[in-house]
């Protein structure tokens, strides 16, 4: 059970929905309110979650909650924080999932002494398989961090990092699902090119990635060791790996993560 009675979400997008699903799936006994500006989306949320209070006013939701989850796009951060400044007191815990927005920037726009946790979840949270990193602001406590980890563990895995590492988290796990989707698509395309039907190729590609990821997580072995177990001398796998190395596969992936990290830093600067 979470040591909190009421959680309010400011913003009712996919990530807020994922966290709400986790709360309801695990039946942790908390009240939930979500503020969503779009009428059509409010109707969707009301239909999907009859036990969740759905409102249009962000300040109303924030005033109601003991924990306030800021789930709006980072470019809307300043305007939303202006709306919430008078209703968020130091008695409430603020958890932000806004990419690139630092705890300091949030604290500066709220009342003095407010407790802020910054987080970076990712979209697999929608199916309970997310990866989330959290870090604390100047006034947050270890118990605040523990509560945030418990909350995000309902949607998958949750870890703590230093805030200076959050841009790297954004580039790696925050944006990472898109890289993996692209890799699955490329694997499937290669299967089609070599004679498989689209349906078979897509299924084999997706389950290959799923199985390989589970092996890393469940065996605890380093990916290099697992790779060696698949790679026979003079076999098909080493031929494929050689082609990937010639194409700069690993360097390209690293460049992609770095580009996303840099964009996160740019958002923080704005």
C-alpha atoms as a PDB file:
ATOM      1  CA  UNK A   1       0.000   0.000   0.000  1.00  0.00           C
ATOM      2  CA  UNK A   2       1.203   3.519  -0.800  1.00  0.00           C
ATOM      3  CA  UNK A   3       1.510   5.850   2.163  1.00  0.00           C
ATOM      4  CA  UNK A   4      -0.759   8.454   0.568  1.00  0.00           C
ATOM      5  CA  UNK A   5      -4.513   8.932   0.311  1.00  0.00           C
ATOM      6  CA  UNK A   6      -5.047  11.049  -2.810  1.00  0.00           C
ATOM      7  CA  UNK A   7      -3.051  11.410  -6.044  1.00  0.00           C
ATOM      8  CA  UNK A   8      -3.852  14.130  -8.568  1.00  0.00           C
ATOM      9  CA  UNK A   9      -2.645  14.178 -12.172  1.00  0.00           C
ATOM     10  CA  UNK A  10      -2.268  17.465 -14.016  1.00  0.00           C
ATOM     11  CA  UNK A  11      -2.539  16.309 -17.606  1.00  0.00           C
ATOM     12  CA  UNK A  12      -4.388  13.209 -18.748  1.00  0.00           C
ATOM     13  CA  UNK A  13      -2.172  11.898 -21.536  1.00  0.00           C
ATOM     14  CA  UNK A  14      -0.825   8.397 -22.143  1.00  0.00           C
ATOM     15  CA  UNK A  15       1.720   8.414 -19.329  1.00  0.00           C
ATOM     16  CA  UNK A  16      -0.763   9.658 -16.760  1.00  0.00           C
ATOM     17  CA  UNK A  17      -3.141   6.945 -17.936  1.00  0.00           C
ATOM     18  CA  UNK A  18      -0.401   4.322 -17.568  1.00  0.00           C
ATOM     19  CA  UNK A  19       0.264   5.306 -13.953  1.00  0.00           C
ATOM     20  CA  UNK A  20      -3.447   5.377 -13.172  1.00  0.00           C
ATOM     21  CA  UNK A  21      -3.815   1.897 -14.660  1.00  0.00           C
ATOM     22  CA  UNK A  22      -1.025   0.682 -12.403  1.00  0.00           C
ATOM     23  CA  UNK A  23      -2.675   2.183  -9.328  1.00  0.00           C
ATOM     24  CA  UNK A  24      -6.038   0.657 -10.184  1.00  0.00           C
ATOM     25  CA  UNK A  25      -4.603  -2.708 -11.273  1.00  0.00           C
ATOM     26  CA  UNK A  26      -2.753  -3.150  -7.977  1.00  0.00           C
ATOM     27  CA  UNK A  27      -5.685  -1.744  -5.962  1.00  0.00           C
ATOM     28  CA  UNK A  28      -3.421   0.270  -3.661  1.00  0.00           C
ATOM     29  CA  UNK A  29      -6.362   2.072  -2.082  1.00  0.00           C
ATOM     30  CA  UNK A  30      -5.750   5.685  -3.145  1.00  0.00           C
ATOM     31  CA  UNK A  31      -8.177   8.220  -4.546  1.00  0.00           C
ATOM     32  CA  UNK A  32      -7.331   9.518  -8.021  1.00  0.00           C
ATOM     33  CA  UNK A  33      -8.187  12.794  -9.728  1.00  0.00           C
ATOM     34  CA  UNK A  34      -7.016  13.882 -13.174  1.00  0.00           C
ATOM     35  CA  UNK A  35      -7.214  17.325 -14.747  1.00  0.00           C
ATOM     36  CA  UNK A  36      -7.410  17.344 -18.540  1.00  0.00           C
ATOM     37  CA  UNK A  37      -7.990  20.430 -20.672  1.00  0.00           C
ATOM     38  CA  UNK A  38      -9.359  18.641 -23.774  1.00  0.00           C
ATOM     39  CA  UNK A  39     -13.095  17.806 -23.470  1.00  0.00           C
ATOM     40  CA  UNK A  40     -12.887  14.739 -25.731  1.00  0.00           C
ATOM     41  CA  UNK A  41     -10.027  13.309 -23.701  1.00  0.00           C
ATOM     42  CA  UNK A  42     -11.932  13.965 -20.461  1.00  0.00           C
ATOM     43  CA  UNK A  43     -14.820  11.943 -21.868  1.00  0.00           C
ATOM     44  CA  UNK A  44     -12.446   9.080 -22.734  1.00  0.00           C
ATOM     45  CA  UNK A  45     -10.922   9.052 -19.261  1.00  0.00           C
ATOM     46  CA  UNK A  46     -14.326   9.174 -17.580  1.00  0.00           C
ATOM     47  CA  UNK A  47     -15.487   6.218 -19.658  1.00  0.00           C
ATOM     48  CA  UNK A  48     -12.351   4.152 -19.044  1.00  0.00           C
ATOM     49  CA  UNK A  49     -11.978   4.960 -15.354  1.00  0.00           C
ATOM     50  CA  UNK A  50     -15.394   5.355 -13.709  1.00  0.00           C
ATOM     51  CA  UNK A  51     -13.796   5.473 -10.249  1.00  0.00           C
ATOM     52  CA  UNK A  52     -11.455   8.334 -11.152  1.00  0.00           C
ATOM     53  CA  UNK A  53     -12.476  11.956 -10.664  1.00  0.00           C
ATOM     54  CA  UNK A  54     -11.981  13.804 -13.965  1.00  0.00           C
ATOM     55  CA  UNK A  55     -11.943  17.633 -14.018  1.00  0.00           C
ATOM     56  CA  UNK A  56     -10.992  20.434 -16.386  1.00  0.00           C
ATOM     57  CA  UNK A  57      -9.264  22.702 -13.846  1.00  0.00           C
ATOM     58  CA  UNK A  58      -5.618  21.917 -13.021  1.00  0.00           C
ATOM     59  CA  UNK A  59      -5.708  23.973  -9.833  1.00  0.00           C
ATOM     60  CA  UNK A  60      -8.784  22.100  -8.619  1.00  0.00           C
ATOM     61  CA  UNK A  61      -7.033  18.752  -9.046  1.00  0.00           C
ATOM     62  CA  UNK A  62      -3.790  19.952  -7.458  1.00  0.00           C
ATOM     63  CA  UNK A  63      -5.598  21.430  -4.463  1.00  0.00           C
ATOM     64  CA  UNK A  64      -7.347  18.074  -3.936  1.00  0.00           C
ATOM     65  CA  UNK A  65      -4.327  15.773  -4.105  1.00  0.00           C
ATOM     66  CA  UNK A  66      -1.728  14.910  -1.481  1.00  0.00           C
ATOM     67  CA  UNK A  67       0.610  13.973  -4.331  1.00  0.00           C
ATOM     68  CA  UNK A  68       0.494  16.038  -7.532  1.00  0.00           C
ATOM     69  CA  UNK A  69       1.860  14.432 -10.708  1.00  0.00           C
ATOM     70  CA  UNK A  70       2.788  16.996 -13.360  1.00  0.00           C
ATOM     71  CA  UNK A  71       2.072  15.135 -16.592  1.00  0.00           C
ATOM     72  CA  UNK A  72       1.988  17.939 -19.164  1.00  0.00           C
ATOM     73  CA  UNK A  73       4.326  18.586 -22.081  1.00  0.00           C
ATOM     74  CA  UNK A  74       7.513  20.420 -21.044  1.00  0.00           C
ATOM     75  CA  UNK A  75       6.741  23.408 -23.263  1.00  0.00           C
ATOM     76  CA  UNK A  76       3.626  24.004 -21.140  1.00  0.00           C
ATOM     77  CA  UNK A  77       5.497  23.841 -17.827  1.00  0.00           C
ATOM     78  CA  UNK A  78       5.705  27.577 -17.104  1.00  0.00           C
ATOM     79  CA  UNK A  79       2.027  28.245 -17.683  1.00  0.00           C
ATOM     80  CA  UNK A  80       0.904  25.239 -15.639  1.00  0.00           C
ATOM     81  CA  UNK A  81       3.196  26.078 -12.727  1.00  0.00           C
ATOM     82  CA  UNK A  82       1.807  29.626 -12.680  1.00  0.00           C
ATOM     83  CA  UNK A  83      -1.683  28.163 -12.309  1.00  0.00           C
ATOM     84  CA  UNK A  84      -0.613  25.874  -9.478  1.00  0.00           C
ATOM     85  CA  UNK A  85       1.612  28.167  -7.425  1.00  0.00           C
ATOM     86  CA  UNK A  86      -1.087  29.167  -4.941  1.00  0.00           C
ATOM     87  CA  UNK A  87      -2.535  25.686  -4.366  1.00  0.00           C
ATOM     88  CA  UNK A  88       0.614  23.556  -4.085  1.00  0.00           C
ATOM     89  CA  UNK A  89       1.971  23.903  -0.562  1.00  0.00           C
ATOM     90  CA  UNK A  90       5.051  22.267   1.006  1.00  0.00           C
ATOM     91  CA  UNK A  91       2.682  19.697   2.534  1.00  0.00           C
ATOM     92  CA  UNK A  92       2.120  18.212  -0.934  1.00  0.00           C
ATOM     93  CA  UNK A  93       4.617  16.119  -2.888  1.00  0.00           C
ATOM     94  CA  UNK A  94       5.098  17.121  -6.525  1.00  0.00           C
ATOM     95  CA  UNK A  95       6.228  14.457  -8.998  1.00  0.00           C
ATOM     96  CA  UNK A  96       7.113  15.697 -12.475  1.00  0.00           C
ATOM     97  CA  UNK A  97       7.327  13.559 -15.609  1.00  0.00           C
ATOM     98  CA  UNK A  98       8.136  16.581 -17.815  1.00  0.00           C
ATOM     99  CA  UNK A  99      11.216  15.866 -19.936  1.00  0.00           C
ATOM    100  CA  UNK A 100      14.102  18.260 -19.459  1.00  0.00           C
ATOM    101  CA  UNK A 101      12.482  20.372 -16.719  1.00  0.00           C
ATOM    102  CA  UNK A 102      14.746  20.470 -13.659  1.00  0.00           C
ATOM    103  CA  UNK A 103      13.600  20.281 -10.049  1.00  0.00           C
ATOM    104  CA  UNK A 104      15.145  23.721  -9.517  1.00  0.00           C
ATOM    105  CA  UNK A 105      13.019  25.251 -12.261  1.00  0.00           C
ATOM    106  CA  UNK A 106       9.878  23.700 -10.763  1.00  0.00           C
ATOM    107  CA  UNK A 107      10.804  24.787  -7.229  1.00  0.00           C
ATOM    108  CA  UNK A 108      11.412  28.359  -8.391  1.00  0.00           C
ATOM    109  CA  UNK A 109       7.856  28.539  -9.713  1.00  0.00           C
ATOM    110  CA  UNK A 110       6.159  27.144  -6.596  1.00  0.00           C
ATOM    111  CA  UNK A 111       5.947  28.232  -2.982  1.00  0.00           C
ATOM    112  CA  UNK A 112       9.198  28.136  -0.975  1.00  0.00           C
ATOM    113  CA  UNK A 113       9.863  24.743   0.596  1.00  0.00           C
ATOM    114  CA  UNK A 114       7.873  22.665  -1.898  1.00  0.00           C
ATOM    115  CA  UNK A 115       9.024  19.056  -2.258  1.00  0.00           C
ATOM    116  CA  UNK A 116       9.701  18.006  -5.839  1.00  0.00           C
ATOM    117  CA  UNK A 117      10.609  14.671  -7.423  1.00  0.00           C
ATOM    118  CA  UNK A 118      11.622  14.546 -11.081  1.00  0.00           C
ATOM    119  CA  UNK A 119      11.023  11.362 -13.055  1.00  0.00           C
ATOM    120  CA  UNK A 120      11.469   9.971 -16.555  1.00  0.00           C
ATOM    121  CA  UNK A 121       9.151   7.047 -17.362  1.00  0.00           C
ATOM    122  CA  UNK A 122       8.723   5.507 -20.795  1.00  0.00           C
ATOM    123  CA  UNK A 123       5.815   4.292 -22.911  1.00  0.00           C
ATOM    124  CA  UNK A 124       6.004   0.550 -22.061  1.00  0.00           C
ATOM    125  CA  UNK A 125       4.530   1.681 -18.742  1.00  0.00           C
ATOM    126  CA  UNK A 126       1.234   1.461 -20.629  1.00  0.00           C
ATOM    127  CA  UNK A 127       1.471  -2.344 -20.435  1.00  0.00           C
ATOM    128  CA  UNK A 128       3.136  -2.511 -17.013  1.00  0.00           C
ATOM    129  CA  UNK A 129       6.632  -2.972 -18.500  1.00  0.00           C
ATOM    130  CA  UNK A 130       8.035   0.531 -18.130  1.00  0.00           C
ATOM    131  CA  UNK A 131      11.471   1.702 -17.014  1.00  0.00           C
ATOM    132  CA  UNK A 132      11.485   4.837 -14.848  1.00  0.00           C
ATOM    133  CA  UNK A 133      14.258   6.826 -13.184  1.00  0.00           C
ATOM    134  CA  UNK A 134      13.583   9.289 -10.346  1.00  0.00           C
ATOM    135  CA  UNK A 135      15.631  11.943  -8.572  1.00  0.00           C
ATOM    136  CA  UNK A 136      14.878  14.336  -5.740  1.00  0.00           C
ATOM    137  CA  UNK A 137      14.890  18.102  -5.464  1.00  0.00           C
ATOM    138  CA  UNK A 138      16.439  20.148  -2.668  1.00  0.00           C
ATOM    139  CA  UNK A 139      13.566  19.737  -0.194  1.00  0.00           C
ATOM    140  CA  UNK A 140      12.509  16.171  -0.988  1.00  0.00           C
ATOM    141  CA  UNK A 141      13.314  13.400   1.481  1.00  0.00           C
ATOM    142  CA  UNK A 142      14.332   9.782   1.095  1.00  0.00           C
ATOM    143  CA  UNK A 143      10.763   8.803   1.983  1.00  0.00           C
ATOM    144  CA  UNK A 144       9.535  11.025  -0.883  1.00  0.00           C
ATOM    145  CA  UNK A 145      11.881   9.219  -3.266  1.00  0.00           C
ATOM    146  CA  UNK A 146      10.728   5.874  -1.904  1.00  0.00           C
ATOM    147  CA  UNK A 147       7.097   6.822  -2.534  1.00  0.00           C
ATOM    148  CA  UNK A 148       7.935   7.828  -6.111  1.00  0.00           C
ATOM    149  CA  UNK A 149       9.747   4.539  -6.717  1.00  0.00           C
ATOM    150  CA  UNK A 150       6.784   2.618  -5.316  1.00  0.00           C
ATOM    151  CA  UNK A 151       4.412   4.551  -7.556  1.00  0.00           C
ATOM    152  CA  UNK A 152       6.398   3.889 -10.739  1.00  0.00           C
ATOM    153  CA  UNK A 153       7.097   0.270  -9.807  1.00  0.00           C
ATOM    154  CA  UNK A 154       3.372  -0.243 -10.420  1.00  0.00           C
ATOM    155  CA  UNK A 155       4.119   0.378 -14.108  1.00  0.00           C
ATOM    156  CA  UNK A 156       7.348  -1.649 -14.364  1.00  0.00           C
ATOM    157  CA  UNK A 157      10.834  -1.027 -12.990  1.00  0.00           C
ATOM    158  CA  UNK A 158      11.963   2.087 -11.088  1.00  0.00           C
ATOM    159  CA  UNK A 159      15.451   3.271 -10.098  1.00  0.00           C
ATOM    160  CA  UNK A 160      16.964   6.351  -8.444  1.00  0.00           C
ATOM    161  CA  UNK A 161      19.662   8.476 -10.103  1.00  0.00           C
ATOM    162  CA  UNK A 162      21.324  11.841  -9.521  1.00  0.00           C
ATOM    163  CA  UNK A 163      19.593  14.689 -11.309  1.00  0.00           C
ATOM    164  CA  UNK A 164      22.667  15.384 -13.439  1.00  0.00           C
ATOM    165  CA  UNK A 165      22.060  11.956 -14.999  1.00  0.00           C
ATOM    166  CA  UNK A 166      18.444  12.594 -15.983  1.00  0.00           C
ATOM    167  CA  UNK A 167      19.245  13.857 -19.481  1.00  0.00           C
ATOM    168  CA  UNK A 168      21.071  10.576 -20.123  1.00  0.00           C
ATOM    169  CA  UNK A 169      18.037   8.676 -18.814  1.00  0.00           C
ATOM    170  CA  UNK A 170      15.828  10.661 -21.189  1.00  0.00           C
ATOM    171  CA  UNK A 171      18.024   9.796 -24.167  1.00  0.00           C
ATOM    172  CA  UNK A 172      18.363   6.127 -23.191  1.00  0.00           C
ATOM    173  CA  UNK A 173      15.155   4.752 -21.693  1.00  0.00           C
ATOM    174  CA  UNK A 174      12.810   7.695 -22.258  1.00  0.00           C
ATOM    175  CA  UNK A 175      13.391   7.747 -26.016  1.00  0.00           C
ATOM    176  CA  UNK A 176      14.677   4.171 -26.208  1.00  0.00           C
ATOM    177  CA  UNK A 177      11.385   2.443 -27.084  1.00  0.00           C
ATOM    178  CA  UNK A 178      11.333   4.329 -30.397  1.00  0.00           C
ATOM    179  CA  UNK A 179      14.807   3.002 -31.234  1.00  0.00           C
ATOM    180  CA  UNK A 180      13.688  -0.540 -30.413  1.00  0.00           C
ATOM    181  CA  UNK A 181      10.507  -0.197 -32.485  1.00  0.00           C
ATOM    182  CA  UNK A 182      12.650   0.946 -35.413  1.00  0.00           C
ATOM    183  CA  UNK A 183      14.978  -2.044 -34.930  1.00  0.00           C
ATOM    184  CA  UNK A 184      12.022  -4.456 -34.859  1.00  0.00           C
ATOM    185  CA  UNK A 185      10.673  -2.866 -38.022  1.00  0.00           C
ATOM    186  CA  UNK A 186      14.079  -3.241 -39.705  1.00  0.00           C
ATOM    187  CA  UNK A 187      14.351  -6.887 -38.642  1.00  0.00           C
ATOM    188  CA  UNK A 188      10.897  -7.584 -40.044  1.00  0.00           C
ATOM    189  CA  UNK A 189      11.701  -5.775 -43.298  1.00  0.00           C
ATOM    190  CA  UNK A 190      14.810  -7.924 -43.660  1.00  0.00           C
ATOM    191  CA  UNK A 191      12.708 -11.040 -43.172  1.00  0.00           C
ATOM    192  CA  UNK A 192      10.283  -9.911 -45.866  1.00  0.00           C
ATOM    193  CA  UNK A 193      13.190  -9.110 -48.207  1.00  0.00           C
ATOM    194  CA  UNK A 194      14.391 -12.681 -47.759  1.00  0.00           C
ATOM    195  CA  UNK A 195      11.053 -14.342 -48.425  1.00  0.00           C
ATOM    196  CA  UNK A 196       8.999 -14.323 -45.212  1.00  0.00           C
ATOM    197  CA  UNK A 197       5.458 -13.001 -45.135  1.00  0.00           C
ATOM    198  CA  UNK A 198       4.988  -9.661 -43.383  1.00  0.00           C
ATOM    199  CA  UNK A 199       2.919 -11.243 -40.612  1.00  0.00           C
ATOM    200  CA  UNK A 200       5.450 -13.984 -39.870  1.00  0.00           C
ATOM    201  CA  UNK A 201       8.420 -11.623 -40.086  1.00  0.00           C
ATOM    202  CA  UNK A 202       6.853  -9.073 -37.730  1.00  0.00           C
ATOM    203  CA  UNK A 203       5.931 -11.737 -35.190  1.00  0.00           C
ATOM    204  CA  UNK A 204       9.379 -13.353 -35.243  1.00  0.00           C
ATOM    205  CA  UNK A 205      11.124  -9.972 -34.994  1.00  0.00           C
ATOM    206  CA  UNK A 206       9.063  -8.768 -32.036  1.00  0.00           C
ATOM    207  CA  UNK A 207       9.406 -12.010 -30.096  1.00  0.00           C
ATOM    208  CA  UNK A 208      13.126 -12.184 -30.827  1.00  0.00           C
ATOM    209  CA  UNK A 209      13.642  -8.775 -29.227  1.00  0.00           C
ATOM    210  CA  UNK A 210      11.309  -9.633 -26.341  1.00  0.00           C
ATOM    211  CA  UNK A 211      13.072 -12.934 -25.658  1.00  0.00           C
ATOM    212  CA  UNK A 212      16.541 -11.416 -25.847  1.00  0.00           C
ATOM    213  CA  UNK A 213      15.589  -8.612 -23.439  1.00  0.00           C
ATOM    214  CA  UNK A 214      14.103 -11.100 -20.995  1.00  0.00           C
ATOM    215  CA  UNK A 215      17.321 -13.140 -21.088  1.00  0.00           C
ATOM    216  CA  UNK A 216      19.353 -10.071 -20.106  1.00  0.00           C
ATOM    217  CA  UNK A 217      16.983  -9.207 -17.250  1.00  0.00           C
ATOM    218  CA  UNK A 218      16.279 -12.702 -15.946  1.00  0.00           C
ATOM    219  CA  UNK A 219      19.755 -14.266 -16.221  1.00  0.00           C
ATOM    220  CA  UNK A 220      21.622 -11.190 -15.006  1.00  0.00           C
ATOM    221  CA  UNK A 221      24.398 -12.012 -17.469  1.00  0.00           C
ATOM    222  CA  UNK A 222      26.202  -9.307 -19.429  1.00  0.00           C
ATOM    223  CA  UNK A 223      24.878  -8.888 -22.990  1.00  0.00           C
ATOM    224  CA  UNK A 224      28.355  -9.664 -24.335  1.00  0.00           C
ATOM    225  CA  UNK A 225      28.323 -13.109 -22.708  1.00  0.00           C
ATOM    226  CA  UNK A 226      24.844 -13.835 -24.014  1.00  0.00           C
ATOM    227  CA  UNK A 227      25.901 -12.718 -27.485  1.00  0.00           C
ATOM    228  CA  UNK A 228      28.879 -15.085 -27.394  1.00  0.00           C
ATOM    229  CA  UNK A 229      26.556 -18.008 -26.644  1.00  0.00           C
ATOM    230  CA  UNK A 230      24.689 -17.343 -29.898  1.00  0.00           C
ATOM    231  CA  UNK A 231      27.799 -16.753 -31.998  1.00  0.00           C
ATOM    232  CA  UNK A 232      29.403 -19.940 -33.344  1.00  0.00           C
ATOM    233  CA  UNK A 233      32.803 -19.839 -35.094  1.00  0.00           C
ATOM    234  CA  UNK A 234      32.304 -19.338 -38.814  1.00  0.00           C
ATOM    235  CA  UNK A 235      28.527 -19.358 -38.431  1.00  0.00           C
ATOM    236  CA  UNK A 236      25.620 -17.243 -39.583  1.00  0.00           C
ATOM    237  CA  UNK A 237      25.460 -14.984 -36.537  1.00  0.00           C
ATOM    238  CA  UNK A 238      29.067 -13.778 -36.742  1.00  0.00           C
ATOM    239  CA  UNK A 239      28.517 -13.010 -40.421  1.00  0.00           C
ATOM    240  CA  UNK A 240      25.499 -10.891 -39.532  1.00  0.00           C
ATOM    241  CA  UNK A 241      27.345  -9.156 -36.668  1.00  0.00           C
ATOM    242  CA  UNK A 242      30.224  -8.366 -39.006  1.00  0.00           C
ATOM    243  CA  UNK A 243      27.831  -6.659 -41.407  1.00  0.00           C
ATOM    244  CA  UNK A 244      26.317  -4.637 -38.540  1.00  0.00           C
ATOM    245  CA  UNK A 245      29.777  -3.524 -37.387  1.00  0.00           C
ATOM    246  CA  UNK A 246      30.681  -2.471 -40.936  1.00  0.00           C
ATOM    247  CA  UNK A 247      27.520  -0.356 -40.954  1.00  0.00           C
ATOM    248  CA  UNK A 248      28.441   1.389 -37.705  1.00  0.00           C
ATOM    249  CA  UNK A 249      25.483  -0.141 -35.867  1.00  0.00           C
ATOM    250  CA  UNK A 250      26.658   0.417 -32.301  1.00  0.00           C
ATOM    251  CA  UNK A 251      28.084   3.850 -33.008  1.00  0.00           C
ATOM    252  CA  UNK A 252      24.835   4.887 -34.676  1.00  0.00           C
ATOM    253  CA  UNK A 253      22.799   3.764 -31.647  1.00  0.00           C
ATOM    254  CA  UNK A 254      25.137   5.673 -29.332  1.00  0.00           C
ATOM    255  CA  UNK A 255      24.829   8.773 -31.528  1.00  0.00           C
ATOM    256  CA  UNK A 256      21.032   8.505 -31.366  1.00  0.00           C
ATOM    257  CA  UNK A 257      21.028   8.357 -27.577  1.00  0.00           C
ATOM    258  CA  UNK A 258      23.440  11.291 -27.401  1.00  0.00           C
ATOM    259  CA  UNK A 259      21.278  13.382 -29.750  1.00  0.00           C
ATOM    260  CA  UNK A 260      18.247  12.769 -27.529  1.00  0.00           C
ATOM    261  CA  UNK A 261      20.310  13.658 -24.430  1.00  0.00           C
ATOM    262  CA  UNK A 262      21.348  16.925 -26.039  1.00  0.00           C
ATOM    263  CA  UNK A 263      17.752  17.738 -26.926  1.00  0.00           C
ATOM    264  CA  UNK A 264      16.754  17.125 -23.307  1.00  0.00           C
ATOM    265  CA  UNK A 265      19.409  19.620 -22.234  1.00  0.00           C
ATOM    266  CA  UNK A 266      18.047  22.127 -24.751  1.00  0.00           C
ATOM    267  CA  UNK A 267      14.564  21.756 -23.272  1.00  0.00           C
ATOM    268  CA  UNK A 268      16.005  22.387 -19.819  1.00  0.00           C
ATOM    269  CA  UNK A 269      17.652  25.580 -21.108  1.00  0.00           C
ATOM    270  CA  UNK A 270      14.311  26.816 -22.430  1.00  0.00           C
END
